[in-house]
Amino acid sequence: MTAMPSAARRLRVSVISPSAAAFSGTATSVVAPAHDGELGILYGHAPMVVLLGEGLLRIRTDEGPHRFRVARGFLQVLDNTVAVLAEEIEPAADS
């Protein structure tokens, strides 16, 4: 079995609110605030839909991290694509 090149092992990620798209691109990982705790997503994750809680959405890309405060919404994982649909999304302050 041949390993996939690391460049191919990326998630496609979209972060969308009712008023705008906050992020669209590729990522190596996503950590999201699910309603019952944090959820980590890597390439090859099983398909799922979860209810989001309020908290910090962290997206790690080759260019660096992206962080957003999100509240009330859903997250879907399907075929290495992550869609975050939230009522409220705003960039998080750097820590």
PDB file of N, CA and C in Angstrom:
ATOM      1  N   MET A   1       0.840  -1.180   0.000  1.00  0.00           N
ATOM      2  CA  MET A   1       0.000   0.000   0.000  1.00  0.00           C
ATOM      3  C   MET A   1       0.882   1.240   0.000  1.00  0.00           C
ATOM      4  N   THR A   2       0.583   2.191  -0.864  1.00  0.00           N
ATOM      5  CA  THR A   2       1.365   3.415  -0.981  1.00  0.00           C
ATOM      6  C   THR A   2       0.705   4.522  -0.178  1.00  0.00           C
ATOM      7  N   ALA A   3       1.509   5.233   0.605  1.00  0.00           N
ATOM      8  CA  ALA A   3       0.976   6.351   1.393  1.00  0.00           C
ATOM      9  C   ALA A   3       0.677   7.523   0.474  1.00  0.00           C
ATOM     10  N   MET A   4      -0.356   8.264   0.818  1.00  0.00           N
ATOM     11  CA  MET A   4      -0.685   9.460   0.055  1.00  0.00           C
ATOM     12  C   MET A   4       0.329  10.551   0.356  1.00  0.00           C
ATOM     13  N   PRO A   5       0.692  11.366  -0.638  1.00  0.00           N
ATOM     14  CA  PRO A   5       1.558  12.501  -0.343  1.00  0.00           C
ATOM     15  C   PRO A   5       0.886  13.414   0.667  1.00  0.00           C
ATOM     16  N   SER A   6       1.681  14.031   1.532  1.00  0.00           N
ATOM     17  CA  SER A   6       1.099  14.860   2.595  1.00  0.00           C
ATOM     18  C   SER A   6       0.274  16.012   2.042  1.00  0.00           C
ATOM     19  N   ALA A   7       0.636  16.542   0.877  1.00  0.00           N
ATOM     20  CA  ALA A   7      -0.121  17.653   0.299  1.00  0.00           C
ATOM     21  C   ALA A   7      -1.547  17.237  -0.043  1.00  0.00           C
ATOM     22  N   ALA A   8      -1.762  15.943  -0.326  1.00  0.00           N
ATOM     23  CA  ALA A   8      -3.097  15.483  -0.692  1.00  0.00           C
ATOM     24  C   ALA A   8      -3.972  15.225   0.526  1.00  0.00           C
ATOM     25  N   ARG A   9      -3.377  15.142   1.708  1.00  0.00           N
ATOM     26  CA  ARG A   9      -4.134  14.798   2.918  1.00  0.00           C
ATOM     27  C   ARG A   9      -4.630  16.074   3.604  1.00  0.00           C
ATOM     28  N   ARG A  10      -5.492  16.791   2.936  1.00  0.00           N
ATOM     29  CA  ARG A  10      -6.036  18.033   3.459  1.00  0.00           C
ATOM     30  C   ARG A  10      -7.558  17.969   3.472  1.00  0.00           C
ATOM     31  N   LEU A  11      -8.120  18.670   4.418  1.00  0.00           N
ATOM     32  CA  LEU A  11      -9.566  18.838   4.494  1.00  0.00           C
ATOM     33  C   LEU A  11      -9.954  20.085   3.705  1.00  0.00           C
ATOM     34  N   ARG A  12     -11.093  20.055   3.074  1.00  0.00           N
ATOM     35  CA  ARG A  12     -11.682  21.267   2.501  1.00  0.00           C
ATOM     36  C   ARG A  12     -12.622  21.819   3.571  1.00  0.00           C
ATOM     37  N   VAL A  13     -12.457  23.097   3.905  1.00  0.00           N
ATOM     38  CA  VAL A  13     -13.206  23.672   5.022  1.00  0.00           C
ATOM     39  C   VAL A  13     -13.932  24.939   4.577  1.00  0.00           C
ATOM     40  N   SER A  14     -15.205  25.046   4.949  1.00  0.00           N
ATOM     41  CA  SER A  14     -16.001  26.259   4.744  1.00  0.00           C
ATOM     42  C   SER A  14     -16.634  26.638   6.068  1.00  0.00           C
ATOM     43  N   VAL A  15     -16.545  27.926   6.402  1.00  0.00           N
ATOM     44  CA  VAL A  15     -17.159  28.453   7.621  1.00  0.00           C
ATOM     45  C   VAL A  15     -18.097  29.570   7.181  1.00  0.00           C
ATOM     46  N   ILE A  16     -19.401  29.365   7.413  1.00  0.00           N
ATOM     47  CA  ILE A  16     -20.407  30.244   6.833  1.00  0.00           C
ATOM     48  C   ILE A  16     -21.417  30.679   7.882  1.00  0.00           C
ATOM     49  N   SER A  17     -21.751  31.979   7.857  1.00  0.00           N
ATOM     50  CA  SER A  17     -22.838  32.521   8.680  1.00  0.00           C
ATOM     51  C   SER A  17     -23.937  32.991   7.728  1.00  0.00           C
ATOM     52  N   PRO A  18     -25.094  33.390   8.250  1.00  0.00           N
ATOM     53  CA  PRO A  18     -26.145  33.886   7.365  1.00  0.00           C
ATOM     54  C   PRO A  18     -25.728  35.117   6.559  1.00  0.00           C
ATOM     55  N   SER A  19     -24.760  35.883   7.079  1.00  0.00           N
ATOM     56  CA  SER A  19     -24.391  37.124   6.402  1.00  0.00           C
ATOM     57  C   SER A  19     -23.142  37.040   5.539  1.00  0.00           C
ATOM     58  N   ALA A  20     -22.283  36.029   5.733  1.00  0.00           N
ATOM     59  CA  ALA A  20     -21.031  35.994   4.972  1.00  0.00           C
ATOM     60  C   ALA A  20     -20.305  34.669   5.141  1.00  0.00           C
ATOM     61  N   ALA A  21     -19.372  34.425   4.229  1.00  0.00           N
ATOM     62  CA  ALA A  21     -18.446  33.297   4.373  1.00  0.00           C
ATOM     63  C   ALA A  21     -17.224  33.822   5.120  1.00  0.00           C
ATOM     64  N   ALA A  22     -16.909  33.223   6.263  1.00  0.00           N
ATOM     65  CA  ALA A  22     -15.791  33.683   7.085  1.00  0.00           C
ATOM     66  C   ALA A  22     -14.481  33.017   6.683  1.00  0.00           C
ATOM     67  N   PHE A  23     -14.559  31.787   6.138  1.00  0.00           N
ATOM     68  CA  PHE A  23     -13.347  31.066   5.743  1.00  0.00           C
ATOM     69  C   PHE A  23     -13.707  30.029   4.696  1.00  0.00           C
ATOM     70  N   SER A  24     -12.820  29.885   3.711  1.00  0.00           N
ATOM     71  CA  SER A  24     -12.934  28.822   2.727  1.00  0.00           C
ATOM     72  C   SER A  24     -11.523  28.462   2.295  1.00  0.00           C
ATOM     73  N   GLY A  25     -11.139  27.202   2.483  1.00  0.00           N
ATOM     74  CA  GLY A  25      -9.790  26.802   2.116  1.00  0.00           C
ATOM     75  C   GLY A  25      -9.498  25.388   2.551  1.00  0.00           C
ATOM     76  N   THR A  26      -8.209  25.035   2.551  1.00  0.00           N
ATOM     77  CA  THR A  26      -7.802  23.703   2.966  1.00  0.00           C
ATOM     78  C   THR A  26      -7.145  23.765   4.331  1.00  0.00           C
ATOM     79  N   ALA A  27      -7.224  22.657   5.049  1.00  0.00           N
ATOM     80  CA  ALA A  27      -6.691  22.609   6.411  1.00  0.00           C
ATOM     81  C   ALA A  27      -6.157  21.219   6.712  1.00  0.00           C
ATOM     82  N   THR A  28      -5.255  21.168   7.684  1.00  0.00           N
ATOM     83  CA  THR A  28      -4.751  19.878   8.156  1.00  0.00           C
ATOM     84  C   THR A  28      -5.595  19.350   9.303  1.00  0.00           C
ATOM     85  N   SER A  29      -6.245  20.263  10.051  1.00  0.00           N
ATOM     86  CA  SER A  29      -7.112  19.832  11.153  1.00  0.00           C
ATOM     87  C   SER A  29      -8.112  20.924  11.498  1.00  0.00           C
ATOM     88  N   VAL A  30      -9.199  20.489  12.132  1.00  0.00           N
ATOM     89  CA  VAL A  30     -10.231  21.397  12.636  1.00  0.00           C
ATOM     90  C   VAL A  30     -10.602  20.917  14.033  1.00  0.00           C
ATOM     91  N   VAL A  31     -10.702  21.855  14.972  1.00  0.00           N
ATOM     92  CA  VAL A  31     -11.218  21.553  16.311  1.00  0.00           C
ATOM     93  C   VAL A  31     -12.409  22.478  16.522  1.00  0.00           C
ATOM     94  N   ALA A  32     -13.568  21.883  16.808  1.00  0.00           N
ATOM     95  CA  ALA A  32     -14.807  22.648  16.900  1.00  0.00           C
ATOM     96  C   ALA A  32     -15.486  22.427  18.246  1.00  0.00           C
ATOM     97  N   PRO A  33     -16.235  23.449  18.704  1.00  0.00           N
ATOM     98  CA  PRO A  33     -16.989  23.311  19.952  1.00  0.00           C
ATOM     99  C   PRO A  33     -18.344  22.650  19.709  1.00  0.00           C
ATOM    100  N   ALA A  34     -18.404  21.348  19.846  1.00  0.00           N
ATOM    101  CA  ALA A  34     -19.684  20.650  19.733  1.00  0.00           C
ATOM    102  C   ALA A  34     -20.519  20.953  20.977  1.00  0.00           C
ATOM    103  N   HIS A  35     -21.802  20.669  20.926  1.00  0.00           N
ATOM    104  CA  HIS A  35     -22.689  20.971  22.055  1.00  0.00           C
ATOM    105  C   HIS A  35     -22.305  20.203  23.318  1.00  0.00           C
ATOM    106  N   ASP A  36     -21.578  19.083  23.161  1.00  0.00           N
ATOM    107  CA  ASP A  36     -21.230  18.258  24.322  1.00  0.00           C
ATOM    108  C   ASP A  36     -19.719  18.124  24.538  1.00  0.00           C
ATOM    109  N   GLY A  37     -18.939  19.046  23.962  1.00  0.00           N
ATOM    110  CA  GLY A  37     -17.484  19.029  24.142  1.00  0.00           C
ATOM    111  C   GLY A  37     -16.769  19.300  22.833  1.00  0.00           C
ATOM    112  N   GLU A  38     -15.439  19.366  22.883  1.00  0.00           N
ATOM    113  CA  GLU A  38     -14.664  19.645  21.682  1.00  0.00           C
ATOM    114  C   GLU A  38     -14.602  18.432  20.767  1.00  0.00           C
ATOM    115  N   LEU A  39     -14.572  18.712  19.471  1.00  0.00           N
ATOM    116  CA  LEU A  39     -14.508  17.687  18.445  1.00  0.00           C
ATOM    117  C   LEU A  39     -13.302  17.966  17.566  1.00  0.00           C
ATOM    118  N   GLY A  40     -12.396  17.000  17.429  1.00  0.00           N
ATOM    119  CA  GLY A  40     -11.239  17.126  16.552  1.00  0.00           C
ATOM    120  C   GLY A  40     -11.469  16.372  15.259  1.00  0.00           C
ATOM    121  N   ILE A  41     -11.096  17.001  14.143  1.00  0.00           N
ATOM    122  CA  ILE A  41     -11.323  16.405  12.829  1.00  0.00           C
ATOM    123  C   ILE A  41     -10.013  16.415  12.049  1.00  0.00           C
ATOM    124  N   LEU A  42      -9.628  15.250  11.548  1.00  0.00           N
ATOM    125  CA  LEU A  42      -8.462  15.086  10.696  1.00  0.00           C
ATOM    126  C   LEU A  42      -8.893  14.435   9.389  1.00  0.00           C
ATOM    127  N   TYR A  43      -7.992  14.417   8.416  1.00  0.00           N
ATOM    128  CA  TYR A  43      -8.240  13.754   7.141  1.00  0.00           C
ATOM    129  C   TYR A  43      -8.687  12.311   7.398  1.00  0.00           C
ATOM    130  N   GLY A  44      -9.714  11.876   6.695  1.00  0.00           N
ATOM    131  CA  GLY A  44     -10.207  10.515   6.838  1.00  0.00           C
ATOM    132  C   GLY A  44     -11.266  10.334   7.910  1.00  0.00           C
ATOM    133  N   HIS A  45     -11.721  11.426   8.529  1.00  0.00           N
ATOM    134  CA  HIS A  45     -12.736  11.335   9.587  1.00  0.00           C
ATOM    135  C   HIS A  45     -14.026  10.738   9.031  1.00  0.00           C
ATOM    136  N   ALA A  46     -14.719  10.001   9.853  1.00  0.00           N
ATOM    137  CA  ALA A  46     -16.007   9.417   9.470  1.00  0.00           C
ATOM    138  C   ALA A  46     -17.034  10.521   9.217  1.00  0.00           C
ATOM    139  N   PRO A  47     -17.985  10.286   8.308  1.00  0.00           N
ATOM    140  CA  PRO A  47     -19.048  11.260   8.075  1.00  0.00           C
ATOM    141  C   PRO A  47     -19.861  11.486   9.344  1.00  0.00           C
ATOM    142  N   MET A  48     -20.253  12.731   9.566  1.00  0.00           N
ATOM    143  CA  MET A  48     -21.073  13.053  10.736  1.00  0.00           C
ATOM    144  C   MET A  48     -21.672  14.445  10.604  1.00  0.00           C
ATOM    145  N   VAL A  49     -22.728  14.671  11.367  1.00  0.00           N
ATOM    146  CA  VAL A  49     -23.322  15.995  11.548  1.00  0.00           C
ATOM    147  C   VAL A  49     -23.462  16.196  13.043  1.00  0.00           C
ATOM    148  N   VAL A  50     -22.982  17.340  13.544  1.00  0.00           N
ATOM    149  CA  VAL A  50     -23.072  17.620  14.978  1.00  0.00           C
ATOM    150  C   VAL A  50     -23.647  19.012  15.212  1.00  0.00           C
ATOM    151  N   LEU A  51     -24.269  19.158  16.353  1.00  0.00           N
ATOM    152  CA  LEU A  51     -24.776  20.441  16.808  1.00  0.00           C
ATOM    153  C   LEU A  51     -23.627  21.202  17.455  1.00  0.00           C
ATOM    154  N   LEU A  52     -23.411  22.445  17.023  1.00  0.00           N
ATOM    155  CA  LEU A  52     -22.354  23.261  17.615  1.00  0.00           C
ATOM    156  C   LEU A  52     -22.814  23.886  18.919  1.00  0.00           C
ATOM    157  N   GLY A  53     -21.879  24.049  19.825  1.00  0.00           N
ATOM    158  CA  GLY A  53     -22.096  24.851  21.010  1.00  0.00           C
ATOM    159  C   GLY A  53     -21.467  26.214  20.772  1.00  0.00           C
ATOM    160  N   GLU A  54     -21.297  26.984  21.832  1.00  0.00           N
ATOM    161  CA  GLU A  54     -20.584  28.257  21.733  1.00  0.00           C
ATOM    162  C   GLU A  54     -19.140  28.019  22.100  1.00  0.00           C
ATOM    163  N   GLY A  55     -18.225  28.631  21.346  1.00  0.00           N
ATOM    164  CA  GLY A  55     -16.823  28.475  21.694  1.00  0.00           C
ATOM    165  C   GLY A  55     -15.902  28.777  20.541  1.00  0.00           C
ATOM    166  N   LEU A  56     -14.687  28.268  20.661  1.00  0.00           N
ATOM    167  CA  LEU A  56     -13.615  28.569  19.724  1.00  0.00           C
ATOM    168  C   LEU A  56     -13.498  27.483  18.656  1.00  0.00           C
ATOM    169  N   LEU A  57     -13.577  27.898  17.406  1.00  0.00           N
ATOM    170  CA  LEU A  57     -13.339  27.033  16.259  1.00  0.00           C
ATOM    171  C   LEU A  57     -11.900  27.260  15.817  1.00  0.00           C
ATOM    172  N   ARG A  58     -11.103  26.187  15.775  1.00  0.00           N
ATOM    173  CA  ARG A  58      -9.689  26.309  15.404  1.00  0.00           C
ATOM    174  C   ARG A  58      -9.433  25.523  14.123  1.00  0.00           C
ATOM    175  N   ILE A  59      -8.868  26.214  13.143  1.00  0.00           N
ATOM    176  CA  ILE A  59      -8.557  25.613  11.848  1.00  0.00           C
ATOM    177  C   ILE A  59      -7.057  25.748  11.632  1.00  0.00           C
ATOM    178  N   ARG A  60      -6.368  24.624  11.444  1.00  0.00           N
ATOM    179  CA  ARG A  60      -4.920  24.660  11.198  1.00  0.00           C
ATOM    180  C   ARG A  60      -4.680  24.460   9.701  1.00  0.00           C
ATOM    181  N   THR A  61      -4.004  25.455   9.091  1.00  0.00           N
ATOM    182  CA  THR A  61      -3.671  25.394   7.671  1.00  0.00           C
ATOM    183  C   THR A  61      -2.154  25.400   7.509  1.00  0.00           C
ATOM    184  N   ASP A  62      -1.699  25.193   6.284  1.00  0.00           N
ATOM    185  CA  ASP A  62      -0.262  25.261   6.013  1.00  0.00           C
ATOM    186  C   ASP A  62       0.279  26.668   6.256  1.00  0.00           C
ATOM    187  N   GLU A  63      -0.567  27.675   6.135  1.00  0.00           N
ATOM    188  CA  GLU A  63      -0.153  29.064   6.336  1.00  0.00           C
ATOM    189  C   GLU A  63      -0.196  29.479   7.800  1.00  0.00           C
ATOM    190  N   GLY A  64      -0.824  28.681   8.638  1.00  0.00           N
ATOM    191  CA  GLY A  64      -0.942  29.014  10.054  1.00  0.00           C
ATOM    192  C   GLY A  64      -2.360  28.800  10.544  1.00  0.00           C
ATOM    193  N   PRO A  65      -2.601  29.087  11.821  1.00  0.00           N
ATOM    194  CA  PRO A  65      -3.929  28.844  12.394  1.00  0.00           C
ATOM    195  C   PRO A  65      -4.924  29.967  12.092  1.00  0.00           C
ATOM    196  N   HIS A  66      -6.181  29.589  12.038  1.00  0.00           N
ATOM    197  CA  HIS A  66      -7.301  30.530  11.936  1.00  0.00           C
ATOM    198  C   HIS A  66      -8.234  30.195  13.089  1.00  0.00           C
ATOM    199  N   ARG A  67      -8.702  31.227  13.789  1.00  0.00           N
ATOM    200  CA  ARG A  67      -9.553  31.002  14.961  1.00  0.00           C
ATOM    201  C   ARG A  67     -10.782  31.896  14.876  1.00  0.00           C
ATOM    202  N   PHE A  68     -11.927  31.304  15.195  1.00  0.00           N
ATOM    203  CA  PHE A  68     -13.197  32.024  15.161  1.00  0.00           C
ATOM    204  C   PHE A  68     -14.003  31.683  16.402  1.00  0.00           C
ATOM    205  N   ARG A  69     -14.741  32.646  16.904  1.00  0.00           N
ATOM    206  CA  ARG A  69     -15.757  32.391  17.925  1.00  0.00           C
ATOM    207  C   ARG A  69     -17.040  32.067  17.175  1.00  0.00           C
ATOM    208  N   VAL A  70     -17.649  30.932  17.516  1.00  0.00           N
ATOM    209  CA  VAL A  70     -18.885  30.522  16.848  1.00  0.00           C
ATOM    210  C   VAL A  70     -19.962  30.253  17.896  1.00  0.00           C
ATOM    211  N   ALA A  71     -21.207  30.387  17.462  1.00  0.00           N
ATOM    212  CA  ALA A  71     -22.338  30.095  18.346  1.00  0.00           C
ATOM    213  C   ALA A  71     -23.523  29.638  17.504  1.00  0.00           C
ATOM    214  N   ARG A  72     -24.206  28.637  18.004  1.00  0.00           N
ATOM    215  CA  ARG A  72     -25.458  28.138  17.435  1.00  0.00           C
ATOM    216  C   ARG A  72     -25.344  27.777  15.953  1.00  0.00           C
ATOM    217  N   GLY A  73     -25.218  26.502  15.712  1.00  0.00           N
ATOM    218  CA  GLY A  73     -25.154  26.051  14.333  1.00  0.00           C
ATOM    219  C   GLY A  73     -24.874  24.564  14.236  1.00  0.00           C
ATOM    220  N   PHE A  74     -24.395  24.174  13.080  1.00  0.00           N
ATOM    221  CA  PHE A  74     -24.122  22.770  12.787  1.00  0.00           C
ATOM    222  C   PHE A  74     -22.770  22.634  12.110  1.00  0.00           C
ATOM    223  N   LEU A  75     -22.205  21.440  12.212  1.00  0.00           N
ATOM    224  CA  LEU A  75     -20.969  21.097  11.517  1.00  0.00           C
ATOM    225  C   LEU A  75     -21.203  19.768  10.822  1.00  0.00           C
ATOM    226  N   GLN A  76     -20.801  19.697   9.556  1.00  0.00           N
ATOM    227  CA  GLN A  76     -20.915  18.455   8.792  1.00  0.00           C
ATOM    228  C   GLN A  76     -19.530  18.034   8.313  1.00  0.00           C
ATOM    229  N   VAL A  77     -19.235  16.738   8.419  1.00  0.00           N
ATOM    230  CA  VAL A  77     -18.025  16.149   7.844  1.00  0.00           C
ATOM    231  C   VAL A  77     -18.485  15.113   6.827  1.00  0.00           C
ATOM    232  N   LEU A  78     -18.001  15.244   5.589  1.00  0.00           N
ATOM    233  CA  LEU A  78     -18.361  14.300   4.537  1.00  0.00           C
ATOM    234  C   LEU A  78     -17.274  14.314   3.472  1.00  0.00           C
ATOM    235  N   ASP A  79     -16.679  13.181   3.204  1.00  0.00           N
ATOM    236  CA  ASP A  79     -15.649  13.049   2.158  1.00  0.00           C
ATOM    237  C   ASP A  79     -14.524  14.072   2.313  1.00  0.00           C
ATOM    238  N   ASN A  80     -13.998  14.199   3.515  1.00  0.00           N
ATOM    239  CA  ASN A  80     -12.894  15.111   3.823  1.00  0.00           C
ATOM    240  C   ASN A  80     -13.236  16.578   3.568  1.00  0.00           C
ATOM    241  N   THR A  81     -14.524  16.883   3.645  1.00  0.00           N
ATOM    242  CA  THR A  81     -15.000  18.260   3.565  1.00  0.00           C
ATOM    243  C   THR A  81     -15.708  18.583   4.871  1.00  0.00           C
ATOM    244  N   VAL A  82     -15.346  19.720   5.461  1.00  0.00           N
ATOM    245  CA  VAL A  82     -15.950  20.166   6.718  1.00  0.00           C
ATOM    246  C   VAL A  82     -16.717  21.449   6.430  1.00  0.00           C
ATOM    247  N   ALA A  83     -18.007  21.439   6.713  1.00  0.00           N
ATOM    248  CA  ALA A  83     -18.843  22.628   6.553  1.00  0.00           C
ATOM    249  C   ALA A  83     -19.327  23.055   7.932  1.00  0.00           C
ATOM    250  N   VAL A  84     -19.013  24.294   8.296  1.00  0.00           N
ATOM    251  CA  VAL A  84     -19.460  24.866   9.565  1.00  0.00           C
ATOM    252  C   VAL A  84     -20.486  25.939   9.229  1.00  0.00           C
ATOM    253  N   LEU A  85     -21.704  25.756   9.707  1.00  0.00           N
ATOM    254  CA  LEU A  85     -22.795  26.704   9.487  1.00  0.00           C
ATOM    255  C   LEU A  85     -23.228  27.202  10.851  1.00  0.00           C
ATOM    256  N   ALA A  86     -22.982  28.479  11.129  1.00  0.00           N
ATOM    257  CA  ALA A  86     -23.281  29.013  12.456  1.00  0.00           C
ATOM    258  C   ALA A  86     -23.999  30.350  12.344  1.00  0.00           C
ATOM    259  N   GLU A  87     -24.872  30.609  13.306  1.00  0.00           N
ATOM    260  CA  GLU A  87     -25.582  31.885  13.330  1.00  0.00           C
ATOM    261  C   GLU A  87     -24.644  33.046  13.604  1.00  0.00           C
ATOM    262  N   GLU A  88     -23.654  32.804  14.468  1.00  0.00           N
ATOM    263  CA  GLU A  88     -22.693  33.857  14.810  1.00  0.00           C
ATOM    264  C   GLU A  88     -21.277  33.347  14.586  1.00  0.00           C
ATOM    265  N   ILE A  89     -20.499  34.129  13.841  1.00  0.00           N
ATOM    266  CA  ILE A  89     -19.086  33.821  13.604  1.00  0.00           C
ATOM    267  C   ILE A  89     -18.326  35.136  13.639  1.00  0.00           C
ATOM    268  N   GLU A  90     -17.268  35.169  14.437  1.00  0.00           N
ATOM    269  CA  GLU A  90     -16.399  36.347  14.431  1.00  0.00           C
ATOM    270  C   GLU A  90     -14.962  35.899  14.664  1.00  0.00           C
ATOM    271  N   PRO A  91     -14.008  36.606  14.059  1.00  0.00           N
ATOM    272  CA  PRO A  91     -12.605  36.254  14.293  1.00  0.00           C
ATOM    273  C   PRO A  91     -12.284  36.337  15.782  1.00  0.00           C
ATOM    274  N   ALA A  92     -11.516  35.383  16.271  1.00  0.00           N
ATOM    275  CA  ALA A  92     -11.113  35.379  17.681  1.00  0.00           C
ATOM    276  C   ALA A  92      -9.833  36.185  17.833  1.00  0.00           C
ATOM    277  N   ALA A  93      -9.706  36.859  18.965  1.00  0.00           N
ATOM    278  CA  ALA A  93      -8.480  37.599  19.258  1.00  0.00           C
ATOM    279  C   ALA A  93      -7.343  36.614  19.459  1.00  0.00           C
ATOM    280  N   ASP A  94      -6.146  36.998  19.035  1.00  0.00           N
ATOM    281  CA  ASP A  94      -4.971  36.140  19.250  1.00  0.00           C
ATOM    282  C   ASP A  94      -4.679  36.026  20.723  1.00  0.00           C
ATOM    283  N   SER A  95      -4.217  34.813  21.130  1.00  0.00           N
ATOM    284  CA  SER A  95      -3.843  34.646  22.536  1.00  0.00           C
ATOM    285  C   SER A  95      -2.369  34.433  22.673  1.00  0.00           C
TER     286      SER A  95
END
